[in-house]
Amino acid sequence: MGPTDVSTDSASTIKVVSLLKLTSDGSNWTTYQDHVVNAIKAKGLRCHLSGTVCKPDNLEECDGKFYKPRTMSALTNAELEAHGNEIDTYEQKEATL
């Protein structure tokens, strides 16, 4: 059996084969946990692991235009695309865990 990918995104893939194996009796749990947490942090997912990452705001639609909450000006196409990219990045990192 070969290495197993935790995710399919090559930038955030964690090879399970490179991690310490957890023994069947759990006697190495503390060391195993440290290795797993460090592997996740190394991929830039610390805030996602701890639950402190802020989800990008949902947009509000009014008369066919999109607004960030509590703003008065409609977003440009470039701002809409940038917001979509923020959402995608957030959701990809959340799914990686």
C-alpha atoms as a PDB file:
ATOM      1  CA  MET A   1       0.000   0.000   0.000  1.00  0.00           C
ATOM      2  CA  GLY A   2       1.486   3.349  -1.038  1.00  0.00           C
ATOM      3  CA  PRO A   3       1.362   6.805   0.523  1.00  0.00           C
ATOM      4  CA  THR A   4      -2.102   8.200   1.129  1.00  0.00           C
ATOM      5  CA  ASP A   5      -2.887  11.829   0.366  1.00  0.00           C
ATOM      6  CA  VAL A   6      -4.938  13.704   2.919  1.00  0.00           C
ATOM      7  CA  SER A   7      -6.048  16.085   0.151  1.00  0.00           C
ATOM      8  CA  THR A   8      -5.749  16.274  -3.620  1.00  0.00           C
ATOM      9  CA  ASP A   9      -4.410  19.842  -3.770  1.00  0.00           C
ATOM     10  CA  SER A  10      -0.648  19.414  -4.254  1.00  0.00           C
ATOM     11  CA  ALA A  11       0.146  22.627  -2.352  1.00  0.00           C
ATOM     12  CA  SER A  12      -1.594  21.410   0.775  1.00  0.00           C
ATOM     13  CA  THR A  13      -1.190  17.644   0.471  1.00  0.00           C
ATOM     14  CA  ILE A  14       0.103  15.912   3.572  1.00  0.00           C
ATOM     15  CA  LYS A  15       1.672  12.544   2.877  1.00  0.00           C
ATOM     16  CA  VAL A  16       0.502  10.224   5.611  1.00  0.00           C
ATOM     17  CA  VAL A  17       3.521   7.979   5.029  1.00  0.00           C
ATOM     18  CA  SER A  18       5.771  10.821   6.268  1.00  0.00           C
ATOM     19  CA  LEU A  19       3.913  11.007   9.578  1.00  0.00           C
ATOM     20  CA  LEU A  20       4.673   8.982  12.653  1.00  0.00           C
ATOM     21  CA  LYS A  21       2.387   5.956  12.965  1.00  0.00           C
ATOM     22  CA  LEU A  22       0.043   5.790  15.936  1.00  0.00           C
ATOM     23  CA  THR A  23       0.563   2.568  17.847  1.00  0.00           C
ATOM     24  CA  SER A  24      -2.445   0.308  18.357  1.00  0.00           C
ATOM     25  CA  ASP A  25      -2.350   0.842  22.120  1.00  0.00           C
ATOM     26  CA  GLY A  26      -2.040   4.646  21.730  1.00  0.00           C
ATOM     27  CA  SER A  27       1.087   4.781  23.865  1.00  0.00           C
ATOM     28  CA  ASN A  28       2.717   7.314  21.505  1.00  0.00           C
ATOM     29  CA  TRP A  29      -0.376   9.580  21.259  1.00  0.00           C
ATOM     30  CA  THR A  30       1.379  12.743  22.497  1.00  0.00           C
ATOM     31  CA  THR A  31       4.238  12.412  20.014  1.00  0.00           C
ATOM     32  CA  TYR A  32       1.842  11.409  17.207  1.00  0.00           C
ATOM     33  CA  GLN A  33      -0.413  14.391  17.907  1.00  0.00           C
ATOM     34  CA  ASP A  34       2.571  16.784  17.866  1.00  0.00           C
ATOM     35  CA  HIS A  35       3.700  15.405  14.489  1.00  0.00           C
ATOM     36  CA  VAL A  36       0.215  15.717  12.956  1.00  0.00           C
ATOM     37  CA  VAL A  37      -0.304  19.253  14.280  1.00  0.00           C
ATOM     38  CA  ASN A  38       3.142  20.335  13.025  1.00  0.00           C
ATOM     39  CA  ALA A  39       2.423  18.847   9.581  1.00  0.00           C
ATOM     40  CA  ILE A  40      -0.849  20.796   9.408  1.00  0.00           C
ATOM     41  CA  LYS A  41       0.827  24.018  10.585  1.00  0.00           C
ATOM     42  CA  ALA A  42       3.583  23.561   7.980  1.00  0.00           C
ATOM     43  CA  LYS A  43       0.892  23.764   5.295  1.00  0.00           C
ATOM     44  CA  GLY A  44      -0.316  27.144   6.606  1.00  0.00           C
ATOM     45  CA  LEU A  45      -3.489  25.762   8.163  1.00  0.00           C
ATOM     46  CA  ARG A  46      -2.880  26.712  11.813  1.00  0.00           C
ATOM     47  CA  CYS A  47      -5.843  29.123  11.990  1.00  0.00           C
ATOM     48  CA  HIS A  48      -8.112  26.539  10.392  1.00  0.00           C
ATOM     49  CA  LEU A  49      -6.952  23.896  12.861  1.00  0.00           C
ATOM     50  CA  SER A  50      -7.550  26.136  15.873  1.00  0.00           C
ATOM     51  CA  GLY A  51     -10.821  27.520  14.511  1.00  0.00           C
ATOM     52  CA  THR A  52      -9.651  31.128  14.614  1.00  0.00           C
ATOM     53  CA  VAL A  53      -9.757  31.803  10.872  1.00  0.00           C
ATOM     54  CA  CYS A  54     -12.371  34.361   9.824  1.00  0.00           C
ATOM     55  CA  LYS A  55     -14.718  33.264   7.081  1.00  0.00           C
ATOM     56  CA  PRO A  56     -15.055  35.905   4.347  1.00  0.00           C
ATOM     57  CA  ASP A  57     -18.327  37.852   4.535  1.00  0.00           C
ATOM     58  CA  ASN A  58     -21.272  36.695   2.468  1.00  0.00           C
ATOM     59  CA  LEU A  59     -22.233  39.252  -0.130  1.00  0.00           C
ATOM     60  CA  GLU A  60     -25.598  40.961  -0.171  1.00  0.00           C
ATOM     61  CA  GLU A  61     -27.447  41.472  -3.447  1.00  0.00           C
ATOM     62  CA  CYS A  62     -29.599  44.506  -4.144  1.00  0.00           C
ATOM     63  CA  ASP A  63     -30.971  45.391  -7.585  1.00  0.00           C
ATOM     64  CA  GLY A  64     -28.587  42.976  -9.300  1.00  0.00           C
ATOM     65  CA  LYS A  65     -25.490  44.462  -7.653  1.00  0.00           C
ATOM     66  CA  PHE A  66     -23.421  42.875  -4.887  1.00  0.00           C
ATOM     67  CA  TYR A  67     -22.286  44.544  -1.686  1.00  0.00           C
ATOM     68  CA  LYS A  68     -20.191  43.539   1.285  1.00  0.00           C
ATOM     69  CA  PRO A  69     -22.245  43.882   4.456  1.00  0.00           C
ATOM     70  CA  ARG A  70     -22.342  47.409   5.927  1.00  0.00           C
ATOM     71  CA  THR A  71     -20.985  49.080   2.780  1.00  0.00           C
ATOM     72  CA  MET A  72     -22.700  51.543   0.492  1.00  0.00           C
ATOM     73  CA  SER A  73     -20.863  51.008  -2.795  1.00  0.00           C
ATOM     74  CA  ALA A  74     -21.392  48.116  -5.180  1.00  0.00           C
ATOM     75  CA  LEU A  75     -18.418  45.842  -5.830  1.00  0.00           C
ATOM     76  CA  THR A  76     -16.650  46.027  -9.163  1.00  0.00           C
ATOM     77  CA  ASN A  77     -16.170  42.901 -11.269  1.00  0.00           C
ATOM     78  CA  ALA A  78     -12.552  42.705 -10.085  1.00  0.00           C
ATOM     79  CA  GLU A  79     -13.652  42.966  -6.444  1.00  0.00           C
ATOM     80  CA  LEU A  80     -16.298  40.277  -7.019  1.00  0.00           C
ATOM     81  CA  GLU A  81     -13.667  37.986  -8.511  1.00  0.00           C
ATOM     82  CA  ALA A  82     -11.252  38.685  -5.638  1.00  0.00           C
ATOM     83  CA  HIS A  83     -14.005  37.908  -3.126  1.00  0.00           C
ATOM     84  CA  GLY A  84     -14.770  34.663  -4.966  1.00  0.00           C
ATOM     85  CA  ASN A  85     -11.094  33.730  -4.747  1.00  0.00           C
ATOM     86  CA  GLU A  86     -11.091  34.475  -0.990  1.00  0.00           C
ATOM     87  CA  ILE A  87     -14.112  32.196  -0.516  1.00  0.00           C
ATOM     88  CA  ASP A  88     -12.504  29.438  -2.623  1.00  0.00           C
ATOM     89  CA  THR A  89      -9.244  29.615  -0.676  1.00  0.00           C
ATOM     90  CA  TYR A  90     -11.078  29.568   2.646  1.00  0.00           C
ATOM     91  CA  GLU A  91     -13.237  26.586   1.680  1.00  0.00           C
ATOM     92  CA  GLN A  92     -10.284  24.625   0.230  1.00  0.00           C
ATOM     93  CA  LYS A  93      -8.289  25.070   3.434  1.00  0.00           C
ATOM     94  CA  GLU A  94     -11.300  24.144   5.581  1.00  0.00           C
ATOM     95  CA  ALA A  95     -11.834  20.992   3.477  1.00  0.00           C
ATOM     96  CA  THR A  96      -8.164  20.035   3.806  1.00  0.00           C
ATOM     97  CA  LEU A  97      -8.633  19.368   7.502  1.00  0.00           C
END
